[in-house]
Each structure stands twice: as structure tokens, then as C-alpha cells.
Amino acid sequence: MESVIWNCLPLVRRSAQLVSGIEVHGTDNFIERSGESLRLLQPLEEFAVIRANIAFIRQGRRSGMKAWLAKPTFLVGKPTWSDSAVWFAGAIAHDAYHAKLYRDAKKLSGGKEPDADTWTGAVAEKKCLAFQRQILSHINADQEIIDYIDEYRANPTYQGRNRGWRSWLDYLKRRW
């Protein structure tokens, strides 16, 4: 794929590359880190879920899933992509599951925009954390990472609001 320069950040060269069937956009370092994580995921049976629900992985200021786009896009902040490849792989799986929940709910509603609680909020977060934990177990994540995920599964209210303009403000406060 031909390189593209973006104007998102001044004087930062960004490009795009197809990695494991997912288009990755960002700096060369970001693309390399994304590739490391995607290569951990690709051999897994569950990679079909990830691949079906993420079209783009893009470098961003903070992490979040744009599941409602025609081509679901996972934005990834530096604290996530600069961590270990295992952690980043778990984050990819987690947000792919948010997109799966969104797409499943939209299909069940006959193509109408699904309620936010179907793919965000505490119940959805528990499902995404369960999928993330499953993936992390398959790629032999350290017990410390597994314990961290289990801790958040017990009380997944750290995400903030999932409706209205306040949800956007909560997203802007993210540091991951």
C-alpha cells in the first residue's frame, strides 16, 4: 500500500499499511507495534471476530472504538500502543468486541441505531473484558495482566457515561 501523509499532527509523517487484513494508519513506529500485536492474534480462532469487527486501527491521542462507522475504527492512544505487544493485542481484542456488540445490536434492531447500553456501559464492558481475558490467556499473558483484567471485570464502572455529550467529555478525559 502506498504511503499517505496526514495533517493531523504537524511535521509527523504518517502512513498506512495493511497488516493481517486490517488497515493500520499512523507513524512507522505505530504500524510496527500494531503489527507485533496483530501477529500475536492472527493464529487464534478468535481472530475471525477481531478481523470482522475492525477495519482500521489508527494512531490517536486516546483509545476508543468508533463502532458506528461503516468501517469500524479502533483509535489507539500512546499509553496503549507503546505498552507491551501482549497488552496492545488485548486492547485490540477488547475494542473489537465492543464493535461486535454494536453490530450485533444494530442487526437485531433492523438496522436502526442500537441503544448505547447494548455495546457500552457496565454490562457490555464485562463482556469485552471477558473476551480480552480469553485472548490474553491464549497468548500467554503474564498473570499480573490477567489479574488486572479480572479486577476491572468485577466493577467495570471506570469508563464513565455512555450516553449524551457527557460521554464525549468522559472520553476526552481518557489517558489510555
C-alpha atoms as a PDB file:
ATOM      1  CA  MET A   1       0.000   0.000   0.000  1.00  0.00           C
ATOM      2  CA  GLU A   2       1.278   3.462  -0.870  1.00  0.00           C
ATOM      3  CA  SER A   3       2.214   5.778   1.989  1.00  0.00           C
ATOM      4  CA  VAL A   4      -0.044   8.699   2.778  1.00  0.00           C
ATOM      5  CA  ILE A   5       0.874  11.849   4.712  1.00  0.00           C
ATOM      6  CA  TRP A   6      -1.760  13.124   7.161  1.00  0.00           C
ATOM      7  CA  ASN A   7      -2.066  16.625   8.520  1.00  0.00           C
ATOM      8  CA  CYS A   8      -3.336  15.521  11.959  1.00  0.00           C
ATOM      9  CA  LEU A   9      -0.130  16.376  13.759  1.00  0.00           C
ATOM     10  CA  PRO A  10       2.346  18.925  12.417  1.00  0.00           C
ATOM     11  CA  LEU A  11       5.530  17.575  10.861  1.00  0.00           C
ATOM     12  CA  VAL A  12       4.783  13.949  11.753  1.00  0.00           C
ATOM     13  CA  ARG A  13       4.979  11.516   8.885  1.00  0.00           C
ATOM     14  CA  ARG A  14       2.114   9.084   8.925  1.00  0.00           C
ATOM     15  CA  SER A  15       1.422   6.231   6.594  1.00  0.00           C
ATOM     16  CA  ALA A  16      -0.957   3.331   6.112  1.00  0.00           C
ATOM     17  CA  GLN A  17      -0.271  -0.365   5.758  1.00  0.00           C
ATOM     18  CA  LEU A  18      -2.407  -3.489   5.546  1.00  0.00           C
ATOM     19  CA  VAL A  19      -1.423  -5.774   8.453  1.00  0.00           C
ATOM     20  CA  SER A  20      -3.117  -9.145   8.964  1.00  0.00           C
ATOM     21  CA  GLY A  21      -6.071  -7.922   6.896  1.00  0.00           C
ATOM     22  CA  ILE A  22      -6.570  -4.721   8.929  1.00  0.00           C
ATOM     23  CA  GLU A  23      -5.545  -1.305   7.637  1.00  0.00           C
ATOM     24  CA  VAL A  24      -3.204   0.378  10.124  1.00  0.00           C
ATOM     25  CA  HIS A  25      -2.671   4.161   9.995  1.00  0.00           C
ATOM     26  CA  GLY A  26      -0.022   6.072  11.909  1.00  0.00           C
ATOM     27  CA  THR A  27       3.691   6.611  12.271  1.00  0.00           C
ATOM     28  CA  ASP A  28       6.076   3.881  11.201  1.00  0.00           C
ATOM     29  CA  ASN A  29       6.669   3.029  14.871  1.00  0.00           C
ATOM     30  CA  PHE A  30       2.912   2.724  15.483  1.00  0.00           C
ATOM     31  CA  ILE A  31       2.475   0.486  12.442  1.00  0.00           C
ATOM     32  CA  GLU A  32       5.353  -1.724  13.598  1.00  0.00           C
ATOM     33  CA  ARG A  33       3.888  -2.012  17.127  1.00  0.00           C
ATOM     34  CA  SER A  34       0.433  -2.764  15.697  1.00  0.00           C
ATOM     35  CA  GLY A  35       1.937  -5.478  13.518  1.00  0.00           C
ATOM     36  CA  GLU A  36       3.601  -7.135  16.517  1.00  0.00           C
ATOM     37  CA  SER A  37       0.276  -7.278  18.329  1.00  0.00           C
ATOM     38  CA  LEU A  38      -1.748  -8.405  15.318  1.00  0.00           C
ATOM     39  CA  ARG A  39       0.747 -11.214  14.667  1.00  0.00           C
ATOM     40  CA  LEU A  40       0.061 -12.491  18.204  1.00  0.00           C
ATOM     41  CA  LEU A  41      -3.675 -12.500  17.461  1.00  0.00           C
ATOM     42  CA  GLN A  42      -3.696 -13.826  13.898  1.00  0.00           C
ATOM     43  CA  PRO A  43      -3.174 -17.552  14.711  1.00  0.00           C
ATOM     44  CA  LEU A  44      -6.092 -17.584  17.149  1.00  0.00           C
ATOM     45  CA  GLU A  45      -9.532 -18.886  16.191  1.00  0.00           C
ATOM     46  CA  GLU A  46     -10.966 -15.703  17.779  1.00  0.00           C
ATOM     47  CA  PHE A  47      -9.073 -13.558  15.276  1.00  0.00           C
ATOM     48  CA  ALA A  48     -12.074 -14.019  12.967  1.00  0.00           C
ATOM     49  CA  VAL A  49     -14.143 -11.945  15.435  1.00  0.00           C
ATOM     50  CA  ILE A  50     -11.443  -9.272  15.581  1.00  0.00           C
ATOM     51  CA  ARG A  51     -10.944  -9.144  11.809  1.00  0.00           C
ATOM     52  CA  ALA A  52     -14.700  -8.992  11.163  1.00  0.00           C
ATOM     53  CA  ASN A  53     -15.177  -6.049  13.517  1.00  0.00           C
ATOM     54  CA  ILE A  54     -12.156  -3.789  12.988  1.00  0.00           C
ATOM     55  CA  ALA A  55     -11.426  -2.361   9.549  1.00  0.00           C
ATOM     56  CA  PHE A  56      -8.925   0.293  10.654  1.00  0.00           C
ATOM     57  CA  ILE A  57      -6.518   0.749  13.531  1.00  0.00           C
ATOM     58  CA  ARG A  58      -5.468   4.384  13.787  1.00  0.00           C
ATOM     59  CA  GLN A  59      -2.986   6.147  15.975  1.00  0.00           C
ATOM     60  CA  GLY A  60      -4.743   8.736  18.126  1.00  0.00           C
ATOM     61  CA  ARG A  61      -4.454  10.865  21.233  1.00  0.00           C
ATOM     62  CA  ARG A  62      -6.542   8.432  23.300  1.00  0.00           C
ATOM     63  CA  SER A  63      -8.026   4.995  22.743  1.00  0.00           C
ATOM     64  CA  GLY A  64     -11.591   4.286  21.745  1.00  0.00           C
ATOM     65  CA  MET A  65     -13.704   2.314  19.283  1.00  0.00           C
ATOM     66  CA  LYS A  66     -15.735   4.009  16.573  1.00  0.00           C
ATOM     67  CA  ALA A  67     -18.028   1.033  16.098  1.00  0.00           C
ATOM     68  CA  TRP A  68     -20.747   3.026  14.311  1.00  0.00           C
ATOM     69  CA  LEU A  69     -18.596   3.795  11.261  1.00  0.00           C
ATOM     70  CA  ALA A  70     -19.183   1.823   8.068  1.00  0.00           C
ATOM     71  CA  LYS A  71     -15.601   0.624   8.572  1.00  0.00           C
ATOM     72  CA  PRO A  72     -15.220   0.246  12.350  1.00  0.00           C
ATOM     73  CA  THR A  73     -12.114   2.060  13.535  1.00  0.00           C
ATOM     74  CA  PHE A  74     -10.057   1.497  16.666  1.00  0.00           C
ATOM     75  CA  LEU A  75      -8.239   4.680  17.708  1.00  0.00           C
ATOM     76  CA  VAL A  76      -5.224   3.904  19.882  1.00  0.00           C
ATOM     77  CA  GLY A  77      -3.500   6.276  22.293  1.00  0.00           C
ATOM     78  CA  LYS A  78       0.225   6.114  23.002  1.00  0.00           C
ATOM     79  CA  PRO A  79      -0.105   4.615  26.519  1.00  0.00           C
ATOM     80  CA  THR A  80      -1.770   1.578  24.899  1.00  0.00           C
ATOM     81  CA  TRP A  81       0.334   1.086  21.781  1.00  0.00           C
ATOM     82  CA  SER A  82       3.646   1.788  23.493  1.00  0.00           C
ATOM     83  CA  ASP A  83       2.971  -0.830  26.189  1.00  0.00           C
ATOM     84  CA  SER A  84       3.816  -4.489  25.546  1.00  0.00           C
ATOM     85  CA  ALA A  85       2.651  -6.191  22.361  1.00  0.00           C
ATOM     86  CA  VAL A  86       0.587  -8.535  24.558  1.00  0.00           C
ATOM     87  CA  TRP A  87      -1.227  -5.636  26.256  1.00  0.00           C
ATOM     88  CA  PHE A  88      -1.862  -3.905  22.907  1.00  0.00           C
ATOM     89  CA  ALA A  89      -3.169  -7.195  21.456  1.00  0.00           C
ATOM     90  CA  GLY A  90      -5.593  -7.468  24.372  1.00  0.00           C
ATOM     91  CA  ALA A  91      -6.774  -3.910  23.759  1.00  0.00           C
ATOM     92  CA  ILE A  92      -7.392  -4.684  20.083  1.00  0.00           C
ATOM     93  CA  ALA A  93      -9.466  -7.731  21.064  1.00  0.00           C
ATOM     94  CA  HIS A  94     -11.373  -5.737  23.696  1.00  0.00           C
ATOM     95  CA  ASP A  95     -12.403  -2.963  21.333  1.00  0.00           C
ATOM     96  CA  ALA A  96     -13.184  -5.372  18.509  1.00  0.00           C
ATOM     97  CA  TYR A  97     -15.702  -6.931  20.875  1.00  0.00           C
ATOM     98  CA  HIS A  98     -17.321  -3.544  21.500  1.00  0.00           C
ATOM     99  CA  ALA A  99     -17.743  -3.261  17.722  1.00  0.00           C
ATOM    100  CA  LYS A 100     -19.171  -6.801  17.576  1.00  0.00           C
ATOM    101  CA  LEU A 101     -21.731  -5.944  20.258  1.00  0.00           C
ATOM    102  CA  TYR A 102     -22.658  -2.767  18.369  1.00  0.00           C
ATOM    103  CA  ARG A 103     -23.025  -4.541  15.029  1.00  0.00           C
ATOM    104  CA  ASP A 104     -24.998  -7.437  16.541  1.00  0.00           C
ATOM    105  CA  ALA A 105     -27.380  -4.990  18.260  1.00  0.00           C
ATOM    106  CA  LYS A 106     -27.822  -2.954  15.084  1.00  0.00           C
ATOM    107  CA  LYS A 107     -28.638  -6.109  13.137  1.00  0.00           C
ATOM    108  CA  LEU A 108     -31.215  -7.164  15.757  1.00  0.00           C
ATOM    109  CA  SER A 109     -32.849  -3.714  15.587  1.00  0.00           C
ATOM    110  CA  GLY A 110     -33.338  -3.980  11.831  1.00  0.00           C
ATOM    111  CA  GLY A 111     -30.521  -1.575  11.027  1.00  0.00           C
ATOM    112  CA  LYS A 112     -31.596   1.127  13.460  1.00  0.00           C
ATOM    113  CA  GLU A 113     -29.057   2.754  15.743  1.00  0.00           C
ATOM    114  CA  PRO A 114     -28.795   0.487  18.817  1.00  0.00           C
ATOM    115  CA  ASP A 115     -29.158   1.682  22.373  1.00  0.00           C
ATOM    116  CA  ALA A 116     -25.809   2.648  23.903  1.00  0.00           C
ATOM    117  CA  ASP A 117     -26.216   0.018  26.636  1.00  0.00           C
ATOM    118  CA  THR A 118     -26.042  -2.747  24.054  1.00  0.00           C
ATOM    119  CA  TRP A 119     -22.383  -2.081  23.312  1.00  0.00           C
ATOM    120  CA  THR A 120     -21.092   0.277  26.037  1.00  0.00           C
ATOM    121  CA  GLY A 121     -21.695   0.576  29.754  1.00  0.00           C
ATOM    122  CA  ALA A 122     -21.010  -1.868  32.578  1.00  0.00           C
ATOM    123  CA  VAL A 123     -22.688  -4.995  31.141  1.00  0.00           C
ATOM    124  CA  ALA A 124     -21.060  -4.595  27.722  1.00  0.00           C
ATOM    125  CA  GLU A 125     -17.731  -3.781  29.348  1.00  0.00           C
ATOM    126  CA  LYS A 126     -17.852  -7.063  31.284  1.00  0.00           C
ATOM    127  CA  LYS A 127     -18.373  -8.948  28.016  1.00  0.00           C
ATOM    128  CA  CYS A 128     -15.473  -7.124  26.342  1.00  0.00           C
ATOM    129  CA  LEU A 129     -13.207  -7.743  29.322  1.00  0.00           C
ATOM    130  CA  ALA A 130     -14.153 -11.445  29.269  1.00  0.00           C
ATOM    131  CA  PHE A 131     -13.188 -11.658  25.577  1.00  0.00           C
ATOM    132  CA  GLN A 132      -9.979  -9.726  26.269  1.00  0.00           C
ATOM    133  CA  ARG A 133      -9.116 -12.093  29.115  1.00  0.00           C
ATOM    134  CA  GLN A 134      -9.761 -15.124  26.902  1.00  0.00           C
ATOM    135  CA  ILE A 135      -7.427 -13.721  24.246  1.00  0.00           C
ATOM    136  CA  LEU A 136      -4.756 -12.797  26.794  1.00  0.00           C
ATOM    137  CA  SER A 137      -4.865 -16.342  28.171  1.00  0.00           C
ATOM    138  CA  HIS A 138      -4.387 -17.772  24.669  1.00  0.00           C
ATOM    139  CA  ILE A 139      -1.336 -15.599  24.016  1.00  0.00           C
ATOM    140  CA  ASN A 140       0.192 -16.477  27.395  1.00  0.00           C
ATOM    141  CA  ALA A 141      -0.091 -13.088  29.073  1.00  0.00           C
ATOM    142  CA  ASP A 142       1.521 -12.716  32.487  1.00  0.00           C
ATOM    143  CA  GLN A 143      -0.691 -13.477  35.471  1.00  0.00           C
ATOM    144  CA  GLU A 144      -0.342  -9.821  36.512  1.00  0.00           C
ATOM    145  CA  ILE A 145      -2.148  -8.727  33.332  1.00  0.00           C
ATOM    146  CA  ILE A 146      -4.846 -11.376  33.772  1.00  0.00           C
ATOM    147  CA  ASP A 147      -5.378 -10.269  37.391  1.00  0.00           C
ATOM    148  CA  TYR A 148      -5.645  -6.641  36.247  1.00  0.00           C
ATOM    149  CA  ILE A 149      -8.398  -7.555  33.768  1.00  0.00           C
ATOM    150  CA  ASP A 150     -10.193  -9.630  36.420  1.00  0.00           C
ATOM    151  CA  GLU A 151     -10.113  -6.653  38.793  1.00  0.00           C
ATOM    152  CA  TYR A 152     -11.858  -4.440  36.223  1.00  0.00           C
ATOM    153  CA  ARG A 153     -14.370  -7.159  35.308  1.00  0.00           C
ATOM    154  CA  ALA A 154     -15.545  -7.148  38.917  1.00  0.00           C
ATOM    155  CA  ASN A 155     -16.514  -3.452  38.737  1.00  0.00           C
ATOM    156  CA  PRO A 156     -16.324  -2.003  35.209  1.00  0.00           C
ATOM    157  CA  THR A 157     -17.600   1.481  36.011  1.00  0.00           C
ATOM    158  CA  TYR A 158     -14.322   3.250  35.160  1.00  0.00           C
ATOM    159  CA  GLN A 159     -15.498   4.062  31.636  1.00  0.00           C
ATOM    160  CA  GLY A 160     -17.755   6.935  32.661  1.00  0.00           C
ATOM    161  CA  ARG A 161     -21.058   7.710  30.960  1.00  0.00           C
ATOM    162  CA  ASN A 162     -22.156   6.030  27.767  1.00  0.00           C
ATOM    163  CA  ARG A 163     -24.854   8.471  26.625  1.00  0.00           C
ATOM    164  CA  GLY A 164     -25.024  12.069  25.516  1.00  0.00           C
ATOM    165  CA  TRP A 165     -22.489  14.853  25.478  1.00  0.00           C
ATOM    166  CA  ARG A 166     -21.147  13.876  28.913  1.00  0.00           C
ATOM    167  CA  SER A 167     -19.921  10.591  27.422  1.00  0.00           C
ATOM    168  CA  TRP A 168     -17.825  12.641  24.993  1.00  0.00           C
ATOM    169  CA  LEU A 169     -16.390  14.638  27.902  1.00  0.00           C
ATOM    170  CA  ASP A 170     -15.552  11.385  29.694  1.00  0.00           C
ATOM    171  CA  TYR A 171     -13.827  10.131  26.535  1.00  0.00           C
ATOM    172  CA  LEU A 172     -11.727  13.302  26.414  1.00  0.00           C
ATOM    173  CA  LYS A 173     -10.504  12.590  29.959  1.00  0.00           C
ATOM    174  CA  ARG A 174      -9.049   9.218  28.974  1.00  0.00           C
ATOM    175  CA  ARG A 175      -5.333   8.745  29.393  1.00  0.00           C
ATOM    176  CA  TRP A 176      -5.038   5.400  27.611  1.00  0.00           C
END
